[in-house]
Every structure is written in structure tokens, then in C-alpha cells.
Amino acid sequence: MAHINYYFSTISPFAYLAGTRLEEIAAKHAATITYKPLDILALFGRTGGVSPKERHVSRQEYRAMDLPRQARRLGMEFNLQPAHWPTNQAPSSYAIIAAQNAGGGDLGGLVHGLMRTCFVDQKDIAEDAVIKGCLAAAGFDPSLADSGLLAGAETYAANLEEAAAAGVFGSPFYVTDAGDRFWGQDKLEDLDLVLAGKL
């Protein structure tokens, strides 16, 4: 059975645009997923990247054109500059880690729900009430937002170290147990083909 380590940031617009396609691909190939939220800005610092606001104006302009274009192509709602972005990634990441440890809900739904809450509903996913609402909507106990803080912080830091060691440098990033790496939501088709043995 194939396994996918999914490295991502909860404030990554490109991870939002992945939707639930990773989960659909994993189900198709009976693959498992480990969700590994991380601090994308810290990862950029470790791997030679820079935050969007520090990039050359040409790169900023292209990003501003391409993100809405990709959203339209996918038929997804999207705000290029949501009201609460960037925000502290840690609280939502801790909640995902706690939910993954607890089990019993729709983890992919929680991950996508948090990002949709940021990029569509324009709520602050660093706020406790917002996180608890997303947990409940995905079938998890909202109290996980309170109980998983210590373990979440430790795992969140470990995810960053693991990502850097695995050659990860952006979000979303998918790494199979065979060592195949895929950067970006636009590489999900390639991931699908590799898992099918066609690429």
C-alpha cells in the first residue's frame, strides 16, 4: 500500500487550490496520507525561498494573475487578499495534528475546511472559535483545539525539520514512500499517474 507524506501550510493559497484532490487520488490507489502542517515562512528561510511580499515585483504580479486564474479553472471560490492573511499558522496546524492523532473525523475535510475558511469566508484561522468550528464541521471534538497544544507544537516543529531533510521547499508538497516528490497542486495529476505506475 502506497503512502503519501503531505507537507503544507494552512495559509498557502496553492494548498487551498488543491481542494480534496489528494484525498480522491489516495482513495483511488488505496494509499494512506500523513498530514504534516508546517511553518512555510520558516521553510522558505531554510531552503532559499522568500515570503511573497519580499519577492521581485515580476513574481508578485505573476502570482496575482495566476492564483485567480487557477481558481477559475478549478471552479473554486477564492480571495487573493483575504481579510486575515497572513495569520499565525500554528494554532490551525496544532488542531490538524491533534485531530490526526485522535482520529474519528474527516481529516482531509478539516484541512480543506480551514483553508476555505481563510480564503473564501475570510475568517482568521488563528482564532480559537474559528478553529473549533472547523473541527466540529469535520466531525472532530472541538476541544481538540485546547488539548493538543503541547503535542501539536512538538510535531509542528518536527514537521519542519523532516520537510527540510526530505527536500521539501514549498506548499503543497507531496512525498511518496518511494521517494517521489511533487511540488504544487498542479502536480497532483503526476502523483496520480506515478501511483498508477504510468509515469
Protein backbone atom coordinates (compact mmCIF):
# COMPACT_ATOMS: atom_id res chain seq x y z
CA MET A 1 0.00 0.00 0.00
CA ALA A 2 1.41 3.37 -1.02
CA HIS A 3 1.82 6.17 1.49
CA ILE A 4 1.99 9.93 0.96
CA ASN A 5 3.51 12.47 3.32
CA TYR A 6 1.68 15.72 2.68
CA TYR A 7 3.61 18.85 3.67
CA PHE A 8 1.66 22.09 3.60
CA SER A 9 0.88 25.39 5.24
CA THR A 10 -2.65 26.27 6.30
CA ILE A 11 -2.17 29.76 4.84
CA SER A 12 -0.93 28.54 1.46
CA PRO A 13 -3.28 29.59 -1.35
CA PHE A 14 -1.84 26.88 -3.56
CA ALA A 15 -2.62 24.24 -0.92
CA TYR A 16 -6.18 25.62 -0.78
CA LEU A 17 -6.45 25.22 -4.57
CA ALA A 18 -5.56 21.53 -4.19
CA GLY A 19 -9.04 21.11 -2.76
CA THR A 20 -9.68 17.49 -1.85
CA ARG A 21 -7.99 16.04 -4.92
CA LEU A 22 -5.21 14.45 -2.86
CA GLU A 23 -7.78 12.53 -0.84
CA GLU A 24 -9.52 11.40 -4.03
CA ILE A 25 -6.24 10.20 -5.52
CA ALA A 26 -5.27 8.38 -2.32
CA ALA A 27 -8.66 6.64 -2.18
CA LYS A 28 -8.33 5.61 -5.84
CA HIS A 29 -4.99 3.90 -5.14
CA ALA A 30 -5.76 2.70 -1.59
CA ALA A 31 -2.92 4.94 -0.39
CA THR A 32 -2.62 6.42 3.08
CA ILE A 33 -1.79 10.04 3.91
CA THR A 34 0.07 11.63 6.80
CA TYR A 35 -0.72 15.33 7.06
CA LYS A 36 2.31 17.40 8.02
CA PRO A 37 1.43 21.07 8.51
CA LEU A 38 4.46 23.30 8.88
CA ASP A 39 5.64 26.90 9.11
CA ILE A 40 6.07 27.81 5.45
CA LEU A 41 7.95 31.04 6.14
CA ALA A 42 10.49 29.17 8.25
CA LEU A 43 10.80 26.57 5.49
CA PHE A 44 11.47 29.30 2.93
CA GLY A 45 14.25 30.57 5.16
CA ARG A 46 15.76 27.10 5.34
CA THR A 47 15.54 26.34 1.61
CA GLY A 48 16.34 29.60 -0.17
CA GLY A 49 12.83 30.94 -0.63
CA VAL A 50 11.39 34.30 0.41
CA SER A 51 7.95 35.39 1.55
CA PRO A 52 5.58 36.65 -1.19
CA LYS A 53 5.87 40.30 -0.13
CA GLU A 54 9.68 40.16 -0.42
CA ARG A 55 9.74 38.68 -3.93
CA HIS A 56 10.61 40.62 -7.06
CA VAL A 57 7.69 42.64 -8.42
CA SER A 58 7.53 40.42 -11.53
CA ARG A 59 6.96 37.37 -9.35
CA GLN A 60 4.37 39.19 -7.25
CA GLU A 61 2.47 40.30 -10.35
CA TYR A 62 2.52 36.80 -11.82
CA ARG A 63 1.25 35.31 -8.55
CA ALA A 64 -1.58 37.87 -8.50
CA MET A 65 -2.61 36.82 -12.02
CA ASP A 66 -2.09 33.09 -11.72
CA LEU A 67 -3.88 32.33 -8.45
CA PRO A 68 -7.27 33.71 -9.54
CA ARG A 69 -6.79 32.10 -12.95
CA GLN A 70 -6.18 28.69 -11.36
CA ALA A 71 -9.20 29.16 -9.09
CA ARG A 72 -11.40 29.93 -12.11
CA ARG A 73 -10.09 26.89 -13.95
CA LEU A 74 -10.95 24.71 -10.97
CA GLY A 75 -14.32 26.37 -10.37
CA MET A 76 -13.31 27.34 -6.83
CA GLU A 77 -14.16 30.49 -4.92
CA PHE A 78 -11.07 32.43 -3.93
CA ASN A 79 -9.98 35.77 -2.49
CA LEU A 80 -6.47 36.81 -3.50
CA GLN A 81 -6.10 39.03 -0.44
CA PRO A 82 -8.37 37.65 2.30
CA ALA A 83 -9.06 39.81 5.32
CA HIS A 84 -6.91 37.75 7.70
CA TRP A 85 -3.84 36.82 5.70
CA PRO A 86 -1.16 36.14 6.55
CA THR A 87 -2.06 34.95 10.02
CA ASN A 88 -0.44 32.76 12.64
CA GLN A 89 -0.29 29.28 11.09
CA ALA A 90 0.47 27.47 14.33
CA PRO A 91 -2.98 27.21 16.02
CA SER A 92 -4.71 25.70 12.97
CA SER A 93 -1.74 23.40 12.41
CA TYR A 94 -1.86 22.20 16.03
CA ALA A 95 -5.57 21.41 15.58
CA ILE A 96 -4.86 19.33 12.48
CA ILE A 97 -2.13 17.43 14.31
CA ALA A 98 -4.41 16.80 17.30
CA ALA A 99 -7.24 15.64 15.03
CA GLN A 100 -4.90 13.29 13.16
CA ASN A 101 -3.78 11.79 16.46
CA ALA A 102 -7.35 11.47 17.74
CA GLY A 103 -8.94 10.08 14.57
CA GLY A 104 -12.64 9.67 14.06
CA GLY A 105 -13.37 12.56 11.72
CA ASP A 106 -12.71 13.70 8.17
CA LEU A 107 -9.12 14.88 8.31
CA GLY A 108 -8.92 15.93 4.67
CA GLY A 109 -12.18 17.81 5.17
CA LEU A 110 -10.72 19.59 8.19
CA VAL A 111 -7.58 20.63 6.31
CA HIS A 112 -9.52 21.94 3.33
CA GLY A 113 -12.17 23.46 5.59
CA LEU A 114 -9.60 25.56 7.44
CA MET A 115 -8.14 26.85 4.20
CA ARG A 116 -11.56 27.58 2.74
CA THR A 117 -12.40 29.47 5.92
CA CYS A 118 -9.33 31.63 5.27
CA PHE A 119 -9.53 32.15 1.50
CA VAL A 120 -13.30 32.16 0.98
CA ASP A 121 -15.02 33.01 4.27
CA GLN A 122 -12.19 35.42 5.18
CA LYS A 123 -12.09 34.43 8.84
CA ASP A 124 -8.97 34.34 10.99
CA ILE A 125 -7.93 30.70 11.29
CA ALA A 126 -5.68 31.61 14.21
CA GLU A 127 -8.77 32.31 16.34
CA ASP A 128 -9.92 29.62 18.75
CA ALA A 129 -13.62 29.85 17.90
CA VAL A 130 -12.94 29.60 14.17
CA ILE A 131 -10.73 26.55 14.62
CA LYS A 132 -13.29 24.85 16.87
CA GLY A 133 -15.98 25.48 14.28
CA CYS A 134 -13.86 23.82 11.59
CA LEU A 135 -13.12 20.85 13.87
CA ALA A 136 -16.81 20.34 14.59
CA ALA A 137 -17.76 20.66 10.91
CA ALA A 138 -15.27 17.89 10.05
CA GLY A 139 -16.61 15.57 12.75
CA PHE A 140 -13.98 16.14 15.42
CA ASP A 141 -14.32 17.14 19.06
CA PRO A 142 -13.82 20.94 19.15
CA SER A 143 -11.96 20.58 22.45
CA LEU A 144 -9.02 19.15 20.49
CA ALA A 145 -8.10 22.78 19.88
CA ASP A 146 -7.37 23.07 23.61
CA SER A 147 -5.99 19.65 24.48
CA GLY A 148 -3.44 19.12 21.73
CA LEU A 149 -1.29 22.20 22.15
CA LEU A 150 1.90 20.65 23.56
CA ALA A 151 1.99 17.64 21.24
CA GLY A 152 0.95 19.88 18.37
CA ALA A 153 3.82 22.28 18.97
CA GLU A 154 6.35 19.46 19.11
CA THR A 155 5.06 17.79 15.95
CA TYR A 156 4.78 21.11 14.12
CA ALA A 157 8.46 21.81 14.79
CA ALA A 158 9.41 18.24 13.85
CA ASN A 159 7.46 18.54 10.56
CA LEU A 160 9.64 21.48 9.56
CA GLU A 161 12.84 19.56 10.25
CA GLU A 162 11.55 16.50 8.43
CA ALA A 163 10.45 18.57 5.46
CA ALA A 164 13.84 20.23 5.09
CA ALA A 165 15.56 16.84 5.30
CA ALA A 166 13.19 15.34 2.71
CA GLY A 167 13.88 18.03 0.11
CA VAL A 168 10.62 19.91 0.61
CA PHE A 169 10.70 23.63 -0.17
CA GLY A 170 7.12 24.78 -0.74
CA SER A 171 3.43 24.17 -0.15
CA PRO A 172 1.72 21.96 -1.09
CA PHE A 173 4.38 19.27 -1.35
CA TYR A 174 3.75 15.53 -1.66
CA VAL A 175 6.34 12.83 -0.98
CA THR A 176 5.60 9.15 -1.57
CA ASP A 177 7.13 6.29 0.40
CA ALA A 178 9.12 5.50 -2.75
CA GLY A 179 10.75 8.93 -2.54
CA ASP A 180 8.91 10.60 -5.42
CA ARG A 181 8.43 14.33 -4.77
CA PHE A 182 5.76 16.62 -6.19
CA TRP A 183 5.61 20.38 -5.62
CA GLY A 184 2.36 22.22 -6.18
CA GLN A 185 -1.31 21.44 -6.62
CA ASP A 186 -0.71 21.38 -10.37
CA LYS A 187 1.40 18.22 -9.93
CA LEU A 188 -1.41 16.13 -8.45
CA GLU A 189 -2.09 14.57 -11.85
CA ASP A 190 1.54 13.44 -11.96
CA LEU A 191 1.19 11.96 -8.47
CA ASP A 192 -1.87 10.06 -9.65
CA LEU A 193 0.00 8.68 -12.66
CA VAL A 194 3.03 7.66 -10.59
CA LEU A 195 0.84 5.79 -8.11
CA ALA A 196 -0.84 4.07 -11.06
CA GLY A 197 2.58 3.01 -12.40
CA LYS A 198 2.06 5.03 -15.59
CA LEU A 199 4.75 7.67 -15.11
